[in-house]
Amino acid sequence: LNWRSKQLNDYYYGVERKEATAWRPAYNAGDSVGLLTSLRVDYPLNERWNLFGVVSAEWLGSEITDSPIVDQDYRMSVLIGTLYRF
């Protein structure tokens, strides 16, 4: 589970009255709880170098998805990288 505070949600997903338009009404978000899951795969190249990949999916809480600037109830991300051990 992924909890976000009212302050964090308002900063990223809120719409202040001075920013509101006819198609983007003012919105104040509250606390939210979402579900986050991920899968990581590591592939060692040698003693010091690894390749890795991460796929994540997050289902957003209703305080986020109710925002007029959010059009999906989930988000996906993919990360691919290298790791060097000293």
N, C-alpha and C. Protein backbone atom coordinates (compact mmCIF):
# COMPACT_ATOMS: atom_id res chain seq x y z
N LEU A 1 0.84 -1.18 0.00
CA LEU A 1 0.00 0.00 0.00
C LEU A 1 0.88 1.24 0.00
N ASN A 2 0.38 2.28 -0.63
CA ASN A 2 1.13 3.52 -0.75
C ASN A 2 0.27 4.68 -0.26
N TRP A 3 0.62 5.25 0.90
CA TRP A 3 -0.14 6.36 1.48
C TRP A 3 0.49 7.68 1.07
N ARG A 4 -0.36 8.65 0.70
CA ARG A 4 0.10 10.00 0.39
C ARG A 4 -0.69 11.00 1.24
N SER A 5 0.00 11.97 1.77
CA SER A 5 -0.65 12.98 2.62
C SER A 5 -1.45 13.98 1.79
N LYS A 6 -2.33 14.69 2.47
CA LYS A 6 -3.12 15.75 1.84
C LYS A 6 -2.19 16.80 1.22
N GLN A 7 -1.12 17.16 1.93
CA GLN A 7 -0.20 18.18 1.44
C GLN A 7 0.46 17.74 0.13
N LEU A 8 0.91 16.50 0.08
CA LEU A 8 1.55 15.99 -1.13
C LEU A 8 0.55 15.93 -2.28
N ASN A 9 -0.63 15.38 -2.02
CA ASN A 9 -1.65 15.28 -3.07
C ASN A 9 -2.08 16.65 -3.57
N ASP A 10 -2.26 17.61 -2.66
CA ASP A 10 -2.65 18.95 -3.09
C ASP A 10 -1.56 19.60 -3.95
N TYR A 11 -0.30 19.40 -3.58
CA TYR A 11 0.80 19.99 -4.34
C TYR A 11 0.83 19.47 -5.78
N TYR A 12 0.70 18.16 -5.95
CA TYR A 12 0.82 17.56 -7.28
C TYR A 12 -0.50 17.49 -8.06
N TYR A 13 -1.62 17.32 -7.37
CA TYR A 13 -2.88 17.06 -8.06
C TYR A 13 -3.97 18.09 -7.79
N GLY A 14 -3.73 19.01 -6.90
CA GLY A 14 -4.72 20.04 -6.60
C GLY A 14 -4.73 21.14 -7.65
N VAL A 15 -5.85 21.85 -7.73
CA VAL A 15 -5.99 22.99 -8.63
C VAL A 15 -6.48 24.16 -7.77
N GLU A 16 -5.65 25.19 -7.64
CA GLU A 16 -6.04 26.36 -6.85
C GLU A 16 -7.10 27.17 -7.60
N ARG A 17 -7.87 27.94 -6.85
CA ARG A 17 -8.94 28.75 -7.46
C ARG A 17 -8.39 29.68 -8.54
N LYS A 18 -7.22 30.27 -8.31
CA LYS A 18 -6.65 31.20 -9.29
C LYS A 18 -6.19 30.47 -10.56
N GLU A 19 -6.00 29.14 -10.50
CA GLU A 19 -5.61 28.35 -11.67
C GLU A 19 -6.80 27.70 -12.36
N ALA A 20 -7.98 27.81 -11.76
CA ALA A 20 -9.17 27.12 -12.28
C ALA A 20 -9.67 27.77 -13.57
N THR A 21 -10.22 26.92 -14.44
CA THR A 21 -10.85 27.37 -15.68
C THR A 21 -12.18 26.64 -15.80
N ALA A 22 -12.90 26.90 -16.87
CA ALA A 22 -14.19 26.22 -17.09
C ALA A 22 -14.00 24.71 -17.24
N TRP A 23 -12.92 24.28 -17.84
CA TRP A 23 -12.67 22.85 -18.06
C TRP A 23 -11.77 22.23 -17.00
N ARG A 24 -11.22 23.07 -16.10
CA ARG A 24 -10.36 22.58 -15.01
C ARG A 24 -10.78 23.27 -13.72
N PRO A 25 -11.79 22.71 -13.04
CA PRO A 25 -12.29 23.35 -11.82
C PRO A 25 -11.30 23.26 -10.66
N ALA A 26 -11.47 24.14 -9.69
CA ALA A 26 -10.65 24.09 -8.48
C ALA A 26 -10.84 22.73 -7.79
N TYR A 27 -9.76 22.24 -7.20
CA TYR A 27 -9.82 20.94 -6.54
C TYR A 27 -8.82 20.89 -5.40
N ASN A 28 -9.26 20.47 -4.23
CA ASN A 28 -8.40 20.24 -3.07
C ASN A 28 -8.42 18.76 -2.75
N ALA A 29 -7.27 18.14 -2.79
CA ALA A 29 -7.17 16.70 -2.54
C ALA A 29 -6.94 16.43 -1.06
N GLY A 30 -7.37 15.27 -0.61
CA GLY A 30 -7.11 14.81 0.75
C GLY A 30 -6.08 13.70 0.76
N ASP A 31 -5.93 13.04 1.90
CA ASP A 31 -5.04 11.88 1.99
C ASP A 31 -5.53 10.79 1.05
N SER A 32 -4.61 9.95 0.58
CA SER A 32 -5.02 8.83 -0.29
C SER A 32 -4.19 7.59 0.00
N VAL A 33 -4.76 6.46 -0.34
CA VAL A 33 -4.06 5.18 -0.24
C VAL A 33 -4.20 4.50 -1.59
N GLY A 34 -3.09 4.06 -2.15
CA GLY A 34 -3.09 3.35 -3.42
C GLY A 34 -2.35 2.04 -3.27
N LEU A 35 -2.36 1.27 -4.32
CA LEU A 35 -1.69 -0.03 -4.33
C LEU A 35 -0.53 0.04 -5.31
N LEU A 36 0.64 -0.36 -4.86
CA LEU A 36 1.85 -0.33 -5.68
C LEU A 36 2.46 -1.72 -5.71
N THR A 37 2.81 -2.18 -6.90
CA THR A 37 3.49 -3.46 -7.03
C THR A 37 4.58 -3.31 -8.08
N SER A 38 5.66 -4.08 -7.93
CA SER A 38 6.75 -4.00 -8.90
C SER A 38 7.48 -5.34 -9.00
N LEU A 39 8.18 -5.48 -10.10
CA LEU A 39 8.98 -6.67 -10.35
C LEU A 39 10.36 -6.20 -10.80
N ARG A 40 11.40 -6.74 -10.15
CA ARG A 40 12.78 -6.38 -10.51
C ARG A 40 13.52 -7.64 -10.94
N VAL A 41 14.31 -7.49 -12.00
CA VAL A 41 15.14 -8.58 -12.51
C VAL A 41 16.58 -8.07 -12.57
N ASP A 42 17.50 -8.85 -12.02
CA ASP A 42 18.92 -8.52 -12.07
C ASP A 42 19.66 -9.55 -12.90
N TYR A 43 20.62 -9.08 -13.69
CA TYR A 43 21.43 -9.97 -14.51
C TYR A 43 22.90 -9.61 -14.28
N PRO A 44 23.65 -10.47 -13.59
CA PRO A 44 25.07 -10.17 -13.36
C PRO A 44 25.89 -10.34 -14.63
N LEU A 45 26.68 -9.33 -14.95
CA LEU A 45 27.58 -9.40 -16.11
C LEU A 45 28.94 -9.95 -15.69
N ASN A 46 29.40 -9.54 -14.51
CA ASN A 46 30.64 -10.06 -13.92
C ASN A 46 30.59 -9.74 -12.42
N GLU A 47 31.74 -9.79 -11.74
CA GLU A 47 31.74 -9.56 -10.29
C GLU A 47 31.30 -8.16 -9.89
N ARG A 48 31.49 -7.18 -10.75
CA ARG A 48 31.20 -5.79 -10.39
C ARG A 48 29.99 -5.19 -11.10
N TRP A 49 29.67 -5.65 -12.29
CA TRP A 49 28.60 -5.04 -13.09
C TRP A 49 27.35 -5.91 -13.13
N ASN A 50 26.21 -5.26 -12.98
CA ASN A 50 24.90 -5.89 -13.11
C ASN A 50 24.04 -5.05 -14.04
N LEU A 51 23.20 -5.70 -14.81
CA LEU A 51 22.10 -5.04 -15.50
C LEU A 51 20.85 -5.29 -14.68
N PHE A 52 19.92 -4.34 -14.66
CA PHE A 52 18.67 -4.58 -13.95
C PHE A 52 17.52 -3.91 -14.68
N GLY A 53 16.36 -4.43 -14.43
CA GLY A 53 15.13 -3.86 -14.97
C GLY A 53 14.03 -3.93 -13.93
N VAL A 54 13.20 -2.90 -13.89
CA VAL A 54 12.09 -2.83 -12.94
C VAL A 54 10.83 -2.41 -13.70
N VAL A 55 9.75 -3.13 -13.48
CA VAL A 55 8.43 -2.76 -14.01
C VAL A 55 7.53 -2.54 -12.81
N SER A 56 6.88 -1.38 -12.75
CA SER A 56 6.01 -1.05 -11.62
C SER A 56 4.62 -0.65 -12.11
N ALA A 57 3.63 -1.00 -11.32
CA ALA A 57 2.25 -0.57 -11.58
C ALA A 57 1.70 -0.01 -10.28
N GLU A 58 1.03 1.13 -10.39
CA GLU A 58 0.42 1.75 -9.21
C GLU A 58 -1.02 2.13 -9.53
N TRP A 59 -1.94 1.65 -8.69
CA TRP A 59 -3.34 2.04 -8.78
C TRP A 59 -3.52 3.18 -7.80
N LEU A 60 -3.94 4.33 -8.32
CA LEU A 60 -4.00 5.56 -7.54
C LEU A 60 -5.26 5.64 -6.69
N GLY A 61 -5.16 6.29 -5.55
CA GLY A 61 -6.30 6.48 -4.67
C GLY A 61 -7.30 7.47 -5.27
N SER A 62 -8.52 7.45 -4.77
CA SER A 62 -9.60 8.28 -5.33
C SER A 62 -9.34 9.77 -5.15
N GLU A 63 -8.60 10.19 -4.14
CA GLU A 63 -8.29 11.61 -3.97
C GLU A 63 -7.41 12.11 -5.10
N ILE A 64 -6.66 11.22 -5.73
CA ILE A 64 -5.84 11.58 -6.89
C ILE A 64 -6.66 11.47 -8.16
N THR A 65 -7.36 10.36 -8.33
CA THR A 65 -8.10 10.15 -9.59
C THR A 65 -9.29 11.09 -9.73
N ASP A 66 -9.78 11.66 -8.64
CA ASP A 66 -10.88 12.64 -8.72
C ASP A 66 -10.40 14.01 -9.18
N SER A 67 -9.09 14.23 -9.22
CA SER A 67 -8.55 15.52 -9.64
C SER A 67 -8.85 15.76 -11.12
N PRO A 68 -9.18 17.00 -11.49
CA PRO A 68 -9.46 17.30 -12.90
C PRO A 68 -8.23 17.25 -13.80
N ILE A 69 -7.03 17.16 -13.23
CA ILE A 69 -5.83 17.09 -14.06
C ILE A 69 -5.30 15.66 -14.19
N VAL A 70 -6.05 14.68 -13.69
CA VAL A 70 -5.67 13.27 -13.78
C VAL A 70 -6.71 12.56 -14.62
N ASP A 71 -6.26 11.81 -15.64
CA ASP A 71 -7.22 11.13 -16.52
C ASP A 71 -7.12 9.61 -16.48
N GLN A 72 -6.28 9.06 -15.60
CA GLN A 72 -6.17 7.61 -15.46
C GLN A 72 -6.20 7.24 -13.98
N ASP A 73 -6.60 6.02 -13.69
CA ASP A 73 -6.62 5.58 -12.29
C ASP A 73 -5.42 4.71 -11.94
N TYR A 74 -4.45 4.62 -12.84
CA TYR A 74 -3.24 3.85 -12.58
C TYR A 74 -2.08 4.51 -13.34
N ARG A 75 -0.87 4.09 -12.99
CA ARG A 75 0.30 4.50 -13.77
C ARG A 75 1.29 3.35 -13.78
N MET A 76 1.99 3.24 -14.89
CA MET A 76 2.99 2.19 -15.08
C MET A 76 4.33 2.86 -15.34
N SER A 77 5.40 2.20 -14.91
CA SER A 77 6.73 2.71 -15.19
C SER A 77 7.68 1.55 -15.44
N VAL A 78 8.70 1.84 -16.25
CA VAL A 78 9.73 0.87 -16.58
C VAL A 78 11.08 1.55 -16.37
N LEU A 79 11.98 0.85 -15.71
CA LEU A 79 13.32 1.37 -15.46
C LEU A 79 14.32 0.30 -15.86
N ILE A 80 15.31 0.71 -16.64
CA ILE A 80 16.40 -0.20 -17.04
C ILE A 80 17.70 0.52 -16.70
N GLY A 81 18.63 -0.20 -16.08
CA GLY A 81 19.87 0.45 -15.69
C GLY A 81 21.01 -0.52 -15.46
N THR A 82 22.13 0.05 -15.07
CA THR A 82 23.31 -0.73 -14.73
C THR A 82 23.70 -0.41 -13.29
N LEU A 83 24.38 -1.35 -12.68
CA LEU A 83 24.83 -1.20 -11.31
C LEU A 83 26.29 -1.61 -11.24
N TYR A 84 27.11 -0.76 -10.63
CA TYR A 84 28.53 -1.07 -10.44
C TYR A 84 28.80 -1.16 -8.95
N ARG A 85 29.40 -2.25 -8.54
CA ARG A 85 29.76 -2.45 -7.12
C ARG A 85 31.23 -2.10 -6.92
N PHE A 86 31.50 -1.22 -5.96
CA PHE A 86 32.89 -0.83 -5.66
C PHE A 86 33.55 -1.83 -4.76
